[in-house]
Amino acid sequence: MSLVYCLEDDDGIRELILCALKSGGYEAIGFPTASEFKLAVKTKLPDIALLDIMIPDEDGISVLKHLKKGQLTCDIPVIMLTAKSNEIDKVNGLELGADDYITKPFGIMELLSRIKAVLRRANKQSNIETSVYNVNGLSVDVEKRTVTFEDKEIALTFKEYEILVYLLKNRGIAVSRDKLMSEVWGFEYEGESRTVDVHIKTLRQKIEAQGCENPIITVRGFGYKIK
């Protein structure tokens, strides 16, 4: 079930949208202010966001800019909702990264159709897997299965390489030791998280030995992530 965040200061419109979304099979949460919306995004990322432009504490365009400049939030699909019908407002929103633009008043069926279309496009994009990852000058080519720094190849074991690629695929997200065990070693090794720590240690040593800044951060008591 897709999670939709709706930033709309008008209580009546917000409740109508939320009701329609829930009846359409979505999990929906509404926010009357930009500050509440931003706080929620820090806690949990939505699958799509609906942003009204005319918000008392901060306008929707500013919130859109905030999302698009964040490493973890830049890929959140956004539909702008506004009473403005001026073409320049639409152009500005789309050029800043909005995926669609709906002018009030709008029909609920139209809104649901637009959300479905934007999510479908976003899912197609996310299914196109990145073949080359770059971080701190470190380059990982998934197709060639190579890891290089300043054109010098770093020799990694099979498991070290798999750990690095999995962390890169989930860049910015804290991955637990148990999750790494199940994804890299398989479920039969679940619980032996000490093995992960040992491999992370040697992986870091090999990366740092080439003069590359280590990109792997320890999340105390939980696991690891790529910063």
Protein backbone atom coordinates (compact mmCIF):
# COMPACT_ATOMS: atom_id res chain seq x y z
CA MET A 1 0.00 0.00 0.00
CA SER A 2 1.52 3.31 -1.12
CA LEU A 3 1.93 6.04 1.50
CA VAL A 4 0.74 9.52 0.48
CA TYR A 5 1.56 12.71 2.39
CA CYS A 6 -0.77 15.65 1.76
CA LEU A 7 0.29 19.18 2.71
CA GLU A 8 -2.89 21.28 2.66
CA ASP A 9 -3.82 24.01 5.15
CA ASP A 10 -7.56 24.02 4.37
CA ASP A 11 -9.08 21.51 6.80
CA GLY A 12 -12.08 20.74 4.61
CA ILE A 13 -10.07 20.13 1.43
CA ARG A 14 -7.43 18.13 3.30
CA GLU A 15 -10.00 15.80 4.88
CA LEU A 16 -11.76 15.34 1.54
CA ILE A 17 -8.47 14.39 -0.13
CA LEU A 18 -7.51 12.00 2.67
CA CYS A 19 -10.91 10.32 2.56
CA ALA A 20 -10.65 9.88 -1.20
CA LEU A 21 -7.11 8.50 -0.96
CA LYS A 22 -8.04 5.96 1.70
CA SER A 23 -11.07 4.83 -0.28
CA GLY A 24 -8.75 4.48 -3.27
CA GLY A 25 -6.55 2.03 -1.39
CA TYR A 26 -3.79 4.38 -0.26
CA GLU A 27 -2.37 5.01 3.19
CA ALA A 28 -2.76 8.77 3.61
CA ILE A 29 -1.61 11.32 6.18
CA GLY A 30 -2.41 15.02 6.06
CA PHE A 31 -0.51 18.04 7.38
CA PRO A 32 -1.80 21.62 7.78
CA THR A 33 1.69 23.18 8.02
CA ALA A 34 5.01 22.79 6.23
CA SER A 35 6.85 22.29 9.51
CA GLU A 36 4.68 19.29 10.43
CA PHE A 37 5.13 17.87 6.94
CA LYS A 38 8.93 18.18 7.09
CA LEU A 39 9.05 16.58 10.53
CA ALA A 40 7.04 13.59 9.27
CA VAL A 41 9.34 13.19 6.24
CA LYS A 42 12.33 12.94 8.58
CA THR A 43 10.60 10.06 10.38
CA LYS A 44 9.23 8.18 7.36
CA LEU A 45 9.48 8.82 3.63
CA PRO A 46 6.21 8.80 1.67
CA ASP A 47 5.83 7.13 -1.73
CA ILE A 48 4.38 10.38 -3.09
CA ALA A 49 3.65 13.89 -1.77
CA LEU A 50 0.82 16.29 -2.57
CA LEU A 51 1.87 19.88 -1.91
CA ASP A 52 -0.45 22.88 -1.80
CA ILE A 53 1.34 26.08 -2.82
CA MET A 54 -0.47 28.52 -0.52
CA ILE A 55 0.63 27.40 2.98
CA PRO A 56 0.76 29.98 5.83
CA ASP A 57 4.13 29.09 7.38
CA GLU A 58 6.01 28.21 4.16
CA ASP A 59 4.83 28.03 0.56
CA GLY A 60 4.68 24.74 -1.29
CA ILE A 61 7.35 25.73 -3.82
CA SER A 62 9.82 26.21 -0.96
CA VAL A 63 8.88 22.79 0.43
CA LEU A 64 9.40 21.29 -3.04
CA LYS A 65 12.90 22.82 -3.19
CA HIS A 66 13.62 21.40 0.27
CA LEU A 67 12.65 17.89 -0.87
CA LYS A 68 14.58 18.01 -4.12
CA LYS A 69 17.85 19.11 -2.52
CA GLY A 70 17.79 16.33 0.10
CA GLN A 71 19.75 13.17 -0.65
CA LEU A 72 17.05 10.90 0.76
CA THR A 73 14.04 12.94 -0.38
CA CYS A 74 15.00 14.07 -3.89
CA ASP A 75 13.35 11.06 -5.55
CA ILE A 76 9.97 11.43 -3.81
CA PRO A 77 7.36 12.03 -6.56
CA VAL A 78 5.51 15.33 -6.03
CA ILE A 79 2.17 16.62 -7.30
CA MET A 80 1.50 20.32 -6.72
CA LEU A 81 -2.02 21.38 -5.70
CA THR A 82 -2.97 25.02 -6.11
CA ALA A 83 -5.77 27.45 -6.77
CA LYS A 84 -3.41 29.38 -9.07
CA SER A 85 -4.08 28.82 -12.75
CA ASN A 86 -1.30 31.08 -14.05
CA GLU A 87 0.84 29.12 -16.51
CA ILE A 88 4.09 30.54 -15.09
CA ASP A 89 3.30 29.00 -11.68
CA LYS A 90 2.89 25.60 -13.29
CA VAL A 91 6.12 25.97 -15.25
CA ASN A 92 8.06 27.00 -12.14
CA GLY A 93 6.81 24.01 -10.18
CA LEU A 94 7.60 21.54 -12.96
CA GLU A 95 11.05 23.01 -13.60
CA LEU A 96 11.86 22.68 -9.90
CA GLY A 97 11.14 18.95 -10.03
CA ALA A 98 7.39 18.52 -9.52
CA ASP A 99 6.03 15.49 -11.38
CA ASP A 100 2.56 16.89 -11.99
CA TYR A 101 0.38 19.93 -11.28
CA ILE A 102 -3.34 20.04 -10.51
CA THR A 103 -5.31 23.29 -10.35
CA LYS A 104 -8.16 23.63 -7.84
CA PRO A 105 -10.98 22.86 -7.99
CA PHE A 106 -10.29 19.34 -9.23
CA GLY A 107 -12.26 16.12 -9.30
CA ILE A 108 -11.37 13.30 -6.93
CA MET A 109 -11.25 10.77 -9.77
CA GLU A 110 -8.83 13.02 -11.64
CA LEU A 111 -6.62 13.29 -8.56
CA LEU A 112 -6.54 9.50 -8.04
CA SER A 113 -5.77 8.99 -11.72
CA ARG A 114 -2.90 11.49 -11.62
CA ILE A 115 -1.44 9.89 -8.47
CA LYS A 116 -1.60 6.44 -10.06
CA ALA A 117 0.13 7.69 -13.21
CA VAL A 118 2.93 9.46 -11.30
CA LEU A 119 3.56 6.41 -9.10
CA ARG A 120 3.65 4.17 -12.16
CA ARG A 121 6.29 6.38 -13.81
CA ALA A 122 8.30 6.54 -10.58
CA ASN A 123 8.26 2.76 -10.18
CA LYS A 124 9.50 2.28 -13.73
CA GLN A 125 12.40 4.62 -13.02
CA SER A 126 13.31 2.86 -9.77
CA ASN A 127 13.36 -0.49 -11.55
CA ILE A 128 16.17 0.71 -13.81
CA GLU A 129 19.12 -0.46 -11.75
CA THR A 130 22.21 1.71 -11.56
CA SER A 131 25.20 -0.02 -13.12
CA VAL A 132 27.94 2.26 -11.73
CA TYR A 133 28.08 3.70 -8.21
CA ASN A 134 30.41 6.51 -7.17
CA VAL A 135 31.18 7.67 -3.64
CA ASN A 136 34.23 9.58 -2.34
CA GLY A 137 36.02 8.88 -5.64
CA LEU A 138 35.37 5.16 -5.24
CA SER A 139 33.77 3.66 -8.37
CA VAL A 140 31.87 0.37 -8.35
CA ASP A 141 30.88 -1.04 -11.75
CA VAL A 142 28.18 -3.67 -11.21
CA GLU A 143 28.31 -5.04 -14.76
CA LYS A 144 32.09 -5.48 -14.70
CA ARG A 145 32.12 -6.37 -10.97
CA THR A 146 35.05 -4.01 -10.40
CA VAL A 147 35.90 -1.56 -7.62
CA THR A 148 38.37 1.22 -8.45
CA PHE A 149 39.82 4.36 -6.89
CA GLU A 150 41.67 6.83 -9.11
CA ASP A 151 41.71 4.16 -11.85
CA LYS A 152 43.44 1.65 -9.57
CA GLU A 153 41.44 -1.55 -8.99
CA ILE A 154 40.81 -2.67 -5.41
CA ALA A 155 40.79 -6.44 -4.99
CA LEU A 156 37.85 -7.54 -2.83
CA THR A 157 36.61 -10.96 -1.87
CA PHE A 158 33.20 -12.04 -3.19
CA LYS A 159 31.47 -11.29 0.13
CA GLU A 160 33.22 -7.94 0.61
CA TYR A 161 32.08 -6.90 -2.84
CA GLU A 162 28.49 -8.04 -2.23
CA ILE A 163 28.33 -6.13 1.05
CA LEU A 164 29.63 -2.95 -0.59
CA VAL A 165 27.16 -3.15 -3.49
CA TYR A 166 24.21 -3.84 -1.18
CA LEU A 167 25.08 -0.84 0.99
CA LEU A 168 25.45 1.34 -2.11
CA LYS A 169 22.06 0.22 -3.43
CA ASN A 170 20.61 1.37 -0.10
CA ARG A 171 22.77 4.48 0.21
CA GLY A 172 21.79 6.71 3.11
CA ILE A 173 19.72 3.96 4.73
CA ALA A 174 20.90 2.14 7.86
CA VAL A 175 21.08 -1.59 7.11
CA SER A 176 21.05 -4.01 10.05
CA ARG A 177 23.65 -6.74 10.48
CA ASP A 178 20.91 -9.37 10.24
CA LYS A 179 19.71 -7.86 6.95
CA LEU A 180 23.22 -7.99 5.52
CA MET A 181 23.56 -11.60 6.67
CA SER A 182 20.33 -12.66 5.00
CA GLU A 183 21.02 -10.74 1.76
CA VAL A 184 24.72 -11.60 1.32
CA TRP A 185 25.14 -14.96 3.05
CA GLY A 186 21.62 -16.36 3.06
CA PHE A 187 19.13 -17.13 5.81
CA GLU A 188 21.02 -20.22 7.00
CA TYR A 189 23.64 -17.89 8.52
CA GLU A 190 21.13 -15.63 10.24
CA GLY A 191 22.23 -14.60 13.72
CA GLU A 192 25.99 -14.84 13.12
CA SER A 193 26.32 -11.08 12.72
CA ARG A 194 29.93 -11.10 13.95
CA THR A 195 30.84 -12.32 10.46
CA VAL A 196 29.51 -9.06 9.02
CA ASP A 197 31.69 -6.98 11.35
CA VAL A 198 34.81 -8.90 10.32
CA HIS A 199 34.10 -8.43 6.61
CA ILE A 200 33.28 -4.73 7.06
CA LYS A 201 36.60 -4.26 8.88
CA THR A 202 38.66 -5.80 6.05
CA LEU A 203 36.58 -3.97 3.44
CA ARG A 204 37.31 -0.65 5.11
CA GLN A 205 41.02 -1.47 5.38
CA LYS A 206 41.28 -2.26 1.67
CA ILE A 207 39.46 0.95 0.69
CA GLU A 208 41.48 3.18 3.04
CA ALA A 209 44.76 1.53 1.94
CA GLN A 210 44.26 3.14 -1.47
CA GLY A 211 43.91 6.61 0.05
CA CYS A 212 40.14 6.71 -0.33
CA GLU A 213 38.01 8.15 2.46
CA ASN A 214 36.03 5.31 4.01
CA PRO A 215 32.32 5.73 3.09
CA ILE A 216 30.93 3.08 5.45
CA ILE A 217 29.46 4.39 8.70
CA THR A 218 28.75 2.23 11.75
CA VAL A 219 25.25 2.66 13.14
CA ARG A 220 25.88 1.78 16.77
CA GLY A 221 23.96 -1.23 18.02
CA PHE A 222 22.33 -1.79 14.63
CA GLY A 223 24.44 -2.08 11.50
CA TYR A 224 26.01 0.01 8.76
CA LYS A 225 25.25 2.53 6.01
CA ILE A 226 26.92 4.44 3.20
CA LYS A 227 26.96 8.16 4.04
